[in-house]
Amino acid sequence: MPMGIVGKEELAREVTAALGDWTPTQAHEQEAAFQDDLHEYLDARLNAGGGKILDSGGNFVVDRVNSDLDCDVVVSDTIGITVRQDLVADEIKRLAEQVREYQKSYTHVVVIACGSIDDDVWEQLQITYQDQHGMNNDPGSTPVMFLRRREVSYGNGKSAADYQQPADTTGESLLEMTVSAIQRRVRRLKR
């Protein structure tokens, strides 16, 4: 069942709260490791259950995408998150073009810069998107959020291990677990 506008806004708030708590677990050598780190964390956090704005019963689909056309991490086909490492001016300018494309596919786009960046060009990129609001997949209105993660903070935020729950099947039947797994798989296939 498609998620309505209210559900997408609640999801965006939930993801924003999760991203606010996240820092990379360590100084990874490759950008893909930062992306994997974030994917693992978001999947665990959003599907841990309890205490969330949006209680989905742990059925968020958090995909790790390996494509230049899509964001690196996608939450429920709605929120696209791209993670970049050590950005120089030319890479930030290229990222500006990618963000415009991402806005056509997602209701919200988040850009996370890890490591060193060209501060002046990064600030210009943020200014470009500061007045965009809305939820209708219109490139002029898709909200874009920018986050920066500095190396001195790595390992100080929440990690996937903080949200892992022990496999306790005493309260959940085999049928319920199977239905939940099938629902997740169907959502991923619909993409």
N, C-alpha and C. Protein backbone atom coordinates (compact mmCIF):
# COMPACT_ATOMS: atom_id res chain seq x y z
N MET A 1 0.84 -1.17 0.00
CA MET A 1 0.00 0.00 0.00
C MET A 1 0.89 1.24 0.00
N PRO A 2 0.67 2.17 -0.93
CA PRO A 2 1.50 3.37 -1.00
C PRO A 2 1.37 4.22 0.25
N MET A 3 2.44 4.91 0.56
CA MET A 3 2.47 5.76 1.72
C MET A 3 1.93 7.14 1.34
N GLY A 4 0.98 7.66 2.14
CA GLY A 4 0.41 8.98 1.88
C GLY A 4 1.35 10.08 2.28
N ILE A 5 0.95 11.32 1.98
CA ILE A 5 1.79 12.48 2.28
C ILE A 5 2.09 12.57 3.77
N VAL A 6 1.09 12.35 4.62
CA VAL A 6 1.32 12.43 6.06
C VAL A 6 2.33 11.37 6.49
N GLY A 7 2.20 10.16 5.96
CA GLY A 7 3.13 9.09 6.29
C GLY A 7 4.55 9.41 5.84
N LYS A 8 4.68 10.06 4.68
CA LYS A 8 6.01 10.42 4.17
C LYS A 8 6.65 11.49 5.05
N GLU A 9 5.84 12.43 5.52
CA GLU A 9 6.38 13.46 6.41
C GLU A 9 6.82 12.85 7.74
N GLU A 10 6.02 11.93 8.27
CA GLU A 10 6.39 11.25 9.52
C GLU A 10 7.65 10.42 9.32
N LEU A 11 7.73 9.74 8.20
CA LEU A 11 8.93 8.97 7.88
C LEU A 11 10.14 9.89 7.80
N ALA A 12 9.97 11.03 7.14
CA ALA A 12 11.08 11.99 7.02
C ALA A 12 11.54 12.46 8.40
N ARG A 13 10.61 12.73 9.30
CA ARG A 13 10.99 13.14 10.66
C ARG A 13 11.73 12.02 11.38
N GLU A 14 11.27 10.80 11.21
CA GLU A 14 11.92 9.64 11.85
C GLU A 14 13.34 9.45 11.32
N VAL A 15 13.50 9.55 10.01
CA VAL A 15 14.82 9.38 9.41
C VAL A 15 15.73 10.53 9.83
N THR A 16 15.20 11.75 9.86
CA THR A 16 15.99 12.91 10.29
C THR A 16 16.49 12.72 11.71
N ALA A 17 15.63 12.24 12.59
CA ALA A 17 16.04 12.00 13.98
C ALA A 17 17.15 10.94 14.03
N ALA A 18 17.00 9.90 13.24
CA ALA A 18 18.02 8.83 13.21
C ALA A 18 19.35 9.36 12.68
N LEU A 19 19.28 10.16 11.62
CA LEU A 19 20.51 10.70 11.04
C LEU A 19 21.19 11.67 11.99
N GLY A 20 20.41 12.36 12.80
CA GLY A 20 20.99 13.27 13.78
C GLY A 20 21.83 12.56 14.82
N ASP A 21 21.52 11.30 15.06
CA ASP A 21 22.24 10.50 16.06
C ASP A 21 23.43 9.74 15.47
N TRP A 22 23.50 9.66 14.15
CA TRP A 22 24.51 8.81 13.51
C TRP A 22 25.81 9.55 13.23
N THR A 23 26.90 8.89 13.55
CA THR A 23 28.22 9.25 13.03
C THR A 23 28.86 7.94 12.58
N PRO A 24 29.74 7.99 11.62
CA PRO A 24 30.41 6.75 11.19
C PRO A 24 31.10 6.08 12.38
N THR A 25 31.14 4.77 12.35
CA THR A 25 31.75 4.03 13.45
C THR A 25 33.26 4.19 13.50
N GLN A 26 33.84 4.55 12.35
CA GLN A 26 35.29 4.73 12.28
C GLN A 26 35.64 5.53 11.03
N ALA A 27 36.89 5.87 10.88
CA ALA A 27 37.36 6.58 9.68
C ALA A 27 37.61 5.54 8.60
N HIS A 28 36.62 5.31 7.79
CA HIS A 28 36.74 4.32 6.72
C HIS A 28 37.65 4.85 5.62
N GLU A 29 38.30 3.94 4.94
CA GLU A 29 39.20 4.33 3.86
C GLU A 29 38.46 4.59 2.56
N GLN A 30 37.30 3.96 2.39
CA GLN A 30 36.56 4.10 1.15
C GLN A 30 35.16 4.63 1.41
N GLU A 31 34.67 5.40 0.46
CA GLU A 31 33.33 6.00 0.55
C GLU A 31 32.26 4.92 0.72
N ALA A 32 32.40 3.81 0.03
CA ALA A 32 31.41 2.74 0.11
C ALA A 32 31.28 2.20 1.53
N ALA A 33 32.34 2.21 2.30
CA ALA A 33 32.28 1.73 3.68
C ALA A 33 31.44 2.68 4.54
N PHE A 34 31.52 3.98 4.28
CA PHE A 34 30.66 4.94 4.99
C PHE A 34 29.19 4.67 4.63
N GLN A 35 28.94 4.40 3.36
CA GLN A 35 27.58 4.13 2.90
C GLN A 35 27.03 2.85 3.54
N ASP A 36 27.87 1.81 3.61
CA ASP A 36 27.46 0.56 4.26
C ASP A 36 27.19 0.77 5.74
N ASP A 37 28.04 1.55 6.39
CA ASP A 37 27.90 1.87 7.81
C ASP A 37 26.54 2.53 8.06
N LEU A 38 26.20 3.53 7.24
CA LEU A 38 24.93 4.22 7.39
C LEU A 38 23.76 3.29 7.11
N HIS A 39 23.86 2.48 6.07
CA HIS A 39 22.78 1.55 5.73
C HIS A 39 22.49 0.60 6.90
N GLU A 40 23.54 0.01 7.43
CA GLU A 40 23.38 -0.93 8.54
C GLU A 40 22.72 -0.25 9.74
N TYR A 41 23.18 0.94 10.06
CA TYR A 41 22.63 1.71 11.18
C TYR A 41 21.15 2.04 10.97
N LEU A 42 20.81 2.60 9.81
CA LEU A 42 19.41 3.00 9.57
C LEU A 42 18.48 1.80 9.57
N ASP A 43 18.90 0.71 8.96
CA ASP A 43 18.06 -0.49 8.93
C ASP A 43 17.78 -0.97 10.35
N ALA A 44 18.82 -1.02 11.17
CA ALA A 44 18.64 -1.46 12.56
C ALA A 44 17.79 -0.47 13.35
N ARG A 45 18.09 0.80 13.23
CA ARG A 45 17.39 1.83 14.00
C ARG A 45 15.92 1.92 13.61
N LEU A 46 15.63 2.00 12.34
CA LEU A 46 14.25 2.20 11.92
C LEU A 46 13.38 0.96 12.12
N ASN A 47 13.99 -0.20 12.17
CA ASN A 47 13.23 -1.43 12.32
C ASN A 47 13.33 -2.03 13.72
N ALA A 48 13.90 -1.27 14.67
CA ALA A 48 14.05 -1.79 16.03
C ALA A 48 12.73 -1.81 16.78
N GLY A 49 11.79 -0.95 16.40
CA GLY A 49 10.48 -0.91 17.05
C GLY A 49 10.52 -0.11 18.34
N GLY A 50 9.38 0.42 18.69
CA GLY A 50 9.22 1.15 19.95
C GLY A 50 9.88 2.50 19.97
N GLY A 51 9.21 3.48 20.56
CA GLY A 51 9.77 4.80 20.78
C GLY A 51 9.96 5.63 19.53
N LYS A 52 9.30 5.26 18.46
CA LYS A 52 9.47 6.01 17.22
C LYS A 52 8.24 6.85 16.96
N ILE A 53 8.44 7.91 16.19
CA ILE A 53 7.33 8.76 15.78
C ILE A 53 6.35 7.94 14.95
N LEU A 54 6.87 7.19 14.01
CA LEU A 54 6.06 6.41 13.09
C LEU A 54 6.24 4.93 13.42
N ASP A 55 5.20 4.30 13.95
CA ASP A 55 5.32 2.89 14.32
C ASP A 55 4.83 2.04 13.15
N SER A 56 5.77 1.52 12.41
CA SER A 56 5.44 0.73 11.22
C SER A 56 5.49 -0.76 11.50
N GLY A 57 5.73 -1.13 12.74
CA GLY A 57 5.87 -2.54 13.05
C GLY A 57 7.17 -3.11 12.54
N GLY A 58 8.17 -2.25 12.32
CA GLY A 58 9.48 -2.72 11.88
C GLY A 58 9.54 -3.13 10.43
N ASN A 59 8.70 -2.52 9.59
CA ASN A 59 8.67 -2.90 8.18
C ASN A 59 9.23 -1.83 7.25
N PHE A 60 10.17 -1.05 7.71
CA PHE A 60 10.83 -0.10 6.83
C PHE A 60 11.76 -0.86 5.91
N VAL A 61 11.78 -0.49 4.65
CA VAL A 61 12.72 -1.09 3.73
C VAL A 61 13.85 -0.09 3.54
N VAL A 62 15.03 -0.46 4.00
CA VAL A 62 16.21 0.39 3.89
C VAL A 62 17.14 -0.31 2.91
N ASP A 63 17.21 0.24 1.70
CA ASP A 63 18.00 -0.38 0.64
C ASP A 63 19.37 0.28 0.52
N ARG A 64 20.35 -0.53 0.22
CA ARG A 64 21.70 -0.04 -0.11
C ARG A 64 21.81 -0.16 -1.62
N VAL A 65 21.92 0.97 -2.30
CA VAL A 65 21.91 1.00 -3.76
C VAL A 65 23.32 1.28 -4.26
N ASN A 66 23.74 0.54 -5.26
CA ASN A 66 25.05 0.74 -5.88
C ASN A 66 24.85 1.18 -7.32
N SER A 67 24.47 2.45 -7.48
CA SER A 67 24.20 2.98 -8.81
C SER A 67 24.46 4.48 -8.81
N ASP A 68 24.98 4.98 -9.91
CA ASP A 68 25.21 6.41 -10.03
C ASP A 68 23.91 7.18 -10.21
N LEU A 69 22.85 6.48 -10.58
CA LEU A 69 21.57 7.14 -10.83
C LEU A 69 20.70 7.28 -9.60
N ASP A 70 21.00 6.52 -8.56
CA ASP A 70 20.21 6.53 -7.34
C ASP A 70 21.06 6.99 -6.17
N CYS A 71 20.37 7.37 -5.10
CA CYS A 71 21.08 7.68 -3.86
C CYS A 71 21.69 6.39 -3.32
N ASP A 72 22.61 6.52 -2.38
CA ASP A 72 23.33 5.36 -1.84
C ASP A 72 22.47 4.52 -0.91
N VAL A 73 21.63 5.19 -0.12
CA VAL A 73 20.74 4.53 0.82
C VAL A 73 19.35 5.10 0.58
N VAL A 74 18.36 4.22 0.43
CA VAL A 74 16.99 4.66 0.15
C VAL A 74 16.07 4.04 1.20
N VAL A 75 15.25 4.88 1.82
CA VAL A 75 14.33 4.42 2.86
C VAL A 75 12.92 4.40 2.30
N SER A 76 12.33 3.21 2.25
CA SER A 76 10.95 3.00 1.82
C SER A 76 10.63 3.69 0.50
N ASP A 77 11.54 3.64 -0.45
CA ASP A 77 11.37 4.24 -1.78
C ASP A 77 11.01 5.72 -1.74
N THR A 78 11.25 6.38 -0.62
CA THR A 78 10.78 7.75 -0.42
C THR A 78 11.91 8.72 -0.16
N ILE A 79 12.84 8.35 0.70
CA ILE A 79 13.91 9.25 1.11
C ILE A 79 15.23 8.72 0.56
N GLY A 80 15.90 9.58 -0.20
CA GLY A 80 17.18 9.21 -0.78
C GLY A 80 18.31 9.88 -0.01
N ILE A 81 19.31 9.10 0.36
CA ILE A 81 20.44 9.60 1.14
C ILE A 81 21.72 9.27 0.37
N THR A 82 22.53 10.29 0.16
CA THR A 82 23.82 10.07 -0.50
C THR A 82 24.92 10.45 0.48
N VAL A 83 25.96 9.62 0.53
CA VAL A 83 27.07 9.84 1.45
C VAL A 83 28.33 10.02 0.61
N ARG A 84 29.03 11.12 0.85
CA ARG A 84 30.25 11.41 0.12
C ARG A 84 31.41 11.64 1.08
N GLN A 85 32.60 11.29 0.63
CA GLN A 85 33.80 11.40 1.46
C GLN A 85 34.81 12.33 0.81
N ASP A 86 35.42 13.18 1.65
CA ASP A 86 36.52 14.05 1.24
C ASP A 86 36.23 14.77 -0.08
N LEU A 87 35.28 15.68 -0.03
CA LEU A 87 34.82 16.38 -1.23
C LEU A 87 35.67 17.60 -1.56
N VAL A 88 36.15 17.63 -2.80
CA VAL A 88 36.84 18.81 -3.32
C VAL A 88 35.81 19.59 -4.16
N ALA A 89 36.16 20.79 -4.57
CA ALA A 89 35.24 21.70 -5.25
C ALA A 89 34.55 21.05 -6.46
N ASP A 90 35.31 20.40 -7.33
CA ASP A 90 34.72 19.80 -8.53
C ASP A 90 33.70 18.71 -8.19
N GLU A 91 33.99 17.92 -7.16
CA GLU A 91 33.06 16.87 -6.75
C GLU A 91 31.77 17.46 -6.18
N ILE A 92 31.88 18.57 -5.46
CA ILE A 92 30.69 19.22 -4.90
C ILE A 92 29.84 19.79 -6.03
N LYS A 93 30.46 20.35 -7.03
CA LYS A 93 29.71 20.88 -8.18
C LYS A 93 29.00 19.75 -8.92
N ARG A 94 29.65 18.62 -9.07
CA ARG A 94 29.03 17.45 -9.70
C ARG A 94 27.88 16.93 -8.83
N LEU A 95 28.07 16.98 -7.52
CA LEU A 95 27.03 16.56 -6.58
C LEU A 95 25.79 17.44 -6.72
N ALA A 96 25.97 18.73 -6.98
CA ALA A 96 24.83 19.64 -7.17
C ALA A 96 23.94 19.16 -8.32
N GLU A 97 24.56 18.69 -9.40
CA GLU A 97 23.81 18.17 -10.53
C GLU A 97 23.09 16.87 -10.16
N GLN A 98 23.76 16.02 -9.39
CA GLN A 98 23.14 14.76 -8.97
C GLN A 98 21.94 15.02 -8.07
N VAL A 99 22.04 16.00 -7.18
CA VAL A 99 20.93 16.30 -6.27
C VAL A 99 19.69 16.68 -7.07
N ARG A 100 19.84 17.45 -8.13
CA ARG A 100 18.69 17.82 -8.97
C ARG A 100 18.03 16.56 -9.55
N GLU A 101 18.83 15.59 -9.93
CA GLU A 101 18.27 14.34 -10.44
C GLU A 101 17.60 13.54 -9.33
N TYR A 102 18.22 13.49 -8.16
CA TYR A 102 17.64 12.77 -7.02
C TYR A 102 16.27 13.34 -6.66
N GLN A 103 16.12 14.64 -6.77
CA GLN A 103 14.85 15.28 -6.41
C GLN A 103 13.69 14.79 -7.27
N LYS A 104 13.97 14.27 -8.43
CA LYS A 104 12.92 13.76 -9.30
C LYS A 104 12.41 12.39 -8.83
N SER A 105 13.21 11.70 -8.02
CA SER A 105 12.87 10.34 -7.61
C SER A 105 12.41 10.20 -6.16
N TYR A 106 12.75 11.16 -5.31
CA TYR A 106 12.49 11.03 -3.88
C TYR A 106 11.73 12.24 -3.35
N THR A 107 10.96 12.04 -2.29
CA THR A 107 10.25 13.16 -1.67
C THR A 107 11.18 13.98 -0.79
N HIS A 108 12.27 13.38 -0.34
CA HIS A 108 13.28 14.05 0.48
C HIS A 108 14.64 13.54 0.06
N VAL A 109 15.63 14.43 0.05
CA VAL A 109 16.99 14.05 -0.30
C VAL A 109 17.91 14.53 0.83
N VAL A 110 18.80 13.66 1.27
CA VAL A 110 19.77 14.01 2.31
C VAL A 110 21.17 13.78 1.75
N VAL A 111 22.02 14.77 1.94
CA VAL A 111 23.42 14.68 1.51
C VAL A 111 24.28 14.72 2.76
N ILE A 112 25.12 13.71 2.94
CA ILE A 112 26.00 13.64 4.10
C ILE A 112 27.44 13.66 3.61
N ALA A 113 28.19 14.62 4.11
CA ALA A 113 29.62 14.74 3.76
C ALA A 113 30.45 14.23 4.93
N CYS A 114 31.30 13.27 4.67
CA CYS A 114 32.20 12.73 5.69
C CYS A 114 33.62 13.14 5.35
N GLY A 115 34.37 13.49 6.38
CA GLY A 115 35.77 13.84 6.17
C GLY A 115 35.95 15.29 5.77
N SER A 116 36.98 15.55 5.00
CA SER A 116 37.31 16.93 4.61
C SER A 116 36.47 17.35 3.41
N ILE A 117 36.19 18.65 3.34
CA ILE A 117 35.45 19.20 2.21
C ILE A 117 35.93 20.61 1.92
N ASP A 118 35.64 21.08 0.73
CA ASP A 118 35.90 22.47 0.37
C ASP A 118 34.75 23.28 0.96
N ASP A 119 35.01 23.94 2.08
CA ASP A 119 33.95 24.62 2.84
C ASP A 119 33.19 25.67 2.04
N ASP A 120 33.86 26.47 1.23
CA ASP A 120 33.20 27.54 0.48
C ASP A 120 32.20 26.98 -0.54
N VAL A 121 32.61 25.98 -1.29
CA VAL A 121 31.74 25.40 -2.31
C VAL A 121 30.60 24.62 -1.65
N TRP A 122 30.90 23.95 -0.53
CA TRP A 122 29.87 23.23 0.23
C TRP A 122 28.80 24.21 0.71
N GLU A 123 29.21 25.36 1.21
CA GLU A 123 28.26 26.37 1.68
C GLU A 123 27.41 26.90 0.52
N GLN A 124 28.01 27.08 -0.64
CA GLN A 124 27.25 27.53 -1.81
C GLN A 124 26.20 26.49 -2.21
N LEU A 125 26.57 25.22 -2.13
CA LEU A 125 25.62 24.15 -2.44
C LEU A 125 24.43 24.20 -1.49
N GLN A 126 24.69 24.38 -0.21
CA GLN A 126 23.61 24.44 0.78
C GLN A 126 22.69 25.63 0.51
N ILE A 127 23.26 26.76 0.18
CA ILE A 127 22.46 27.97 -0.10
C ILE A 127 21.53 27.75 -1.28
N THR A 128 21.99 27.00 -2.27
CA THR A 128 21.18 26.71 -3.46
C THR A 128 19.86 26.05 -3.10
N TYR A 129 19.85 25.22 -2.06
CA TYR A 129 18.66 24.43 -1.72
C TYR A 129 17.96 24.89 -0.44
N GLN A 130 18.36 26.00 0.14
CA GLN A 130 17.85 26.37 1.46
C GLN A 130 16.37 26.72 1.49
N ASP A 131 15.78 27.16 0.40
CA ASP A 131 14.38 27.59 0.43
C ASP A 131 13.41 26.57 -0.16
N GLN A 132 13.83 25.35 -0.33
CA GLN A 132 12.94 24.37 -0.93
C GLN A 132 12.15 23.63 0.13
N HIS A 133 10.85 23.61 -0.08
CA HIS A 133 9.93 22.93 0.84
C HIS A 133 8.90 22.20 0.00
N GLY A 134 8.26 21.24 0.58
CA GLY A 134 7.19 20.57 -0.14
C GLY A 134 7.43 19.09 -0.29
N MET A 135 6.43 18.40 -0.85
CA MET A 135 6.49 16.96 -0.90
C MET A 135 5.95 16.38 -2.21
N ASN A 136 5.88 17.11 -3.27
CA ASN A 136 5.20 16.61 -4.45
C ASN A 136 6.13 16.16 -5.57
N ASN A 137 7.34 15.84 -5.25
CA ASN A 137 8.34 15.40 -6.23
C ASN A 137 8.62 16.44 -7.31
N ASP A 138 8.24 17.67 -7.07
CA ASP A 138 8.56 18.76 -7.97
C ASP A 138 9.99 19.18 -7.67
N PRO A 139 10.88 19.18 -8.68
CA PRO A 139 12.28 19.52 -8.42
C PRO A 139 12.46 20.86 -7.72
N GLY A 140 11.50 21.76 -7.83
CA GLY A 140 11.62 23.04 -7.15
C GLY A 140 11.15 23.01 -5.72
N SER A 141 10.64 21.88 -5.26
CA SER A 141 10.10 21.86 -3.91
C SER A 141 10.57 20.71 -3.04
N THR A 142 11.26 19.74 -3.59
CA THR A 142 11.72 18.60 -2.79
C THR A 142 12.74 19.06 -1.76
N PRO A 143 12.47 18.82 -0.48
CA PRO A 143 13.42 19.25 0.55
C PRO A 143 14.76 18.51 0.44
N VAL A 144 15.82 19.27 0.61
CA VAL A 144 17.16 18.71 0.61
C VAL A 144 17.82 19.12 1.92
N MET A 145 18.38 18.13 2.61
CA MET A 145 19.04 18.38 3.88
C MET A 145 20.52 18.04 3.73
N PHE A 146 21.37 18.86 4.34
CA PHE A 146 22.82 18.64 4.28
C PHE A 146 23.34 18.40 5.69
N LEU A 147 24.14 17.35 5.83
CA LEU A 147 24.78 17.03 7.11
C LEU A 147 26.27 16.86 6.89
N ARG A 148 27.01 17.17 7.91
CA ARG A 148 28.47 17.02 7.85
C ARG A 148 28.91 16.16 9.02
N ARG A 149 29.73 15.19 8.77
CA ARG A 149 30.29 14.34 9.80
C ARG A 149 31.80 14.49 9.76
N ARG A 150 32.34 15.02 10.85
CA ARG A 150 33.79 15.26 10.94
C ARG A 150 34.46 14.07 11.59
N GLU A 151 35.69 13.82 11.17
CA GLU A 151 36.42 12.64 11.63
C GLU A 151 36.58 12.59 13.15
N VAL A 152 36.71 13.73 13.80
CA VAL A 152 36.90 13.72 15.26
C VAL A 152 35.68 13.15 15.98
N SER A 153 34.53 13.11 15.31
CA SER A 153 33.30 12.60 15.92
C SER A 153 33.05 11.12 15.62
N TYR A 154 33.80 10.54 14.70
CA TYR A 154 33.55 9.16 14.30
C TYR A 154 33.58 8.25 15.53
N GLY A 155 32.60 7.37 15.58
CA GLY A 155 32.52 6.42 16.68
C GLY A 155 31.81 6.94 17.91
N ASN A 156 31.42 8.22 17.90
CA ASN A 156 30.77 8.81 19.07
C ASN A 156 29.25 8.78 19.01
N GLY A 157 28.67 8.49 17.87
CA GLY A 157 27.22 8.47 17.72
C GLY A 157 26.67 7.07 17.93
N LYS A 158 25.40 6.91 17.59
CA LYS A 158 24.75 5.61 17.70
C LYS A 158 25.23 4.72 16.56
N SER A 159 25.19 3.43 16.80
CA SER A 159 25.56 2.46 15.76
C SER A 159 24.46 1.42 15.66
N ALA A 160 24.54 0.58 14.65
CA ALA A 160 23.54 -0.46 14.46
C ALA A 160 23.43 -1.36 15.68
N ALA A 161 24.55 -1.62 16.35
CA ALA A 161 24.55 -2.49 17.52
C ALA A 161 23.67 -1.95 18.65
N ASP A 162 23.49 -0.63 18.69
CA ASP A 162 22.64 -0.03 19.72
C ASP A 162 21.17 -0.38 19.52
N TYR A 163 20.81 -0.87 18.34
CA TYR A 163 19.41 -1.13 18.03
C TYR A 163 19.13 -2.59 17.70
N GLN A 164 20.15 -3.42 17.73
CA GLN A 164 19.93 -4.83 17.46
C GLN A 164 19.16 -5.44 18.62
N GLN A 165 18.15 -6.18 18.28
CA GLN A 165 17.36 -6.85 19.29
C GLN A 165 17.62 -8.35 19.19
N PRO A 166 17.74 -9.02 20.33
CA PRO A 166 17.99 -10.45 20.28
C PRO A 166 16.85 -11.18 19.58
N ALA A 167 17.19 -12.23 18.90
CA ALA A 167 16.18 -13.02 18.21
C ALA A 167 15.34 -13.76 19.23
N ASP A 168 14.22 -13.18 19.60
CA ASP A 168 13.30 -13.78 20.57
C ASP A 168 12.02 -14.13 19.84
N THR A 169 11.86 -15.38 19.52
CA THR A 169 10.69 -15.79 18.76
C THR A 169 9.59 -16.32 19.65
N THR A 170 9.72 -16.22 20.96
CA THR A 170 8.70 -16.77 21.84
C THR A 170 7.38 -16.04 21.70
N GLY A 171 7.41 -14.72 21.42
CA GLY A 171 6.17 -13.96 21.30
C GLY A 171 5.70 -13.83 19.87
N GLU A 172 6.45 -14.34 18.93
CA GLU A 172 6.09 -14.20 17.52
C GLU A 172 6.09 -15.58 16.87
N SER A 173 4.99 -15.89 16.24
CA SER A 173 4.88 -17.21 15.62
C SER A 173 5.71 -17.26 14.34
N LEU A 174 5.96 -18.45 13.91
CA LEU A 174 6.69 -18.66 12.66
C LEU A 174 5.93 -18.02 11.50
N LEU A 175 4.60 -18.10 11.54
CA LEU A 175 3.79 -17.50 10.49
C LEU A 175 3.97 -15.98 10.46
N GLU A 176 3.96 -15.33 11.62
CA GLU A 176 4.15 -13.87 11.68
C GLU A 176 5.52 -13.48 11.15
N MET A 177 6.56 -14.22 11.51
CA MET A 177 7.90 -13.92 11.00
C MET A 177 7.96 -14.09 9.49
N THR A 178 7.33 -15.14 8.97
CA THR A 178 7.32 -15.39 7.54
C THR A 178 6.58 -14.29 6.79
N VAL A 179 5.42 -13.89 7.29
CA VAL A 179 4.64 -12.82 6.66
C VAL A 179 5.45 -11.53 6.64
N SER A 180 6.11 -11.20 7.73
CA SER A 180 6.93 -10.00 7.79
C SER A 180 8.07 -10.05 6.77
N ALA A 181 8.71 -11.17 6.65
CA ALA A 181 9.81 -11.32 5.70
C ALA A 181 9.30 -11.20 4.26
N ILE A 182 8.15 -11.78 3.97
CA ILE A 182 7.57 -11.70 2.63
C ILE A 182 7.18 -10.26 2.30
N GLN A 183 6.60 -9.55 3.28
CA GLN A 183 6.21 -8.15 3.06
C GLN A 183 7.43 -7.30 2.72
N ARG A 184 8.53 -7.51 3.41
CA ARG A 184 9.75 -6.77 3.11
C ARG A 184 10.25 -7.07 1.70
N ARG A 185 10.25 -8.33 1.34
CA ARG A 185 10.74 -8.74 0.02
C ARG A 185 9.86 -8.14 -1.08
N VAL A 186 8.54 -8.15 -0.90
CA VAL A 186 7.62 -7.58 -1.89
C VAL A 186 7.88 -6.09 -2.06
N ARG A 187 8.09 -5.38 -0.97
CA ARG A 187 8.38 -3.95 -1.06
C ARG A 187 9.65 -3.70 -1.85
N ARG A 188 10.65 -4.53 -1.64
CA ARG A 188 11.90 -4.35 -2.36
C ARG A 188 11.72 -4.65 -3.85
N LEU A 189 10.91 -5.65 -4.17
CA LEU A 189 10.69 -6.01 -5.57
C LEU A 189 9.88 -4.96 -6.30
N LYS A 190 9.02 -4.24 -5.61
CA LYS A 190 8.19 -3.20 -6.23
C LYS A 190 9.03 -2.03 -6.71
N ARG A 191 10.18 -1.88 -6.17
CA ARG A 191 11.09 -0.79 -6.54
C ARG A 191 11.47 -0.82 -7.93
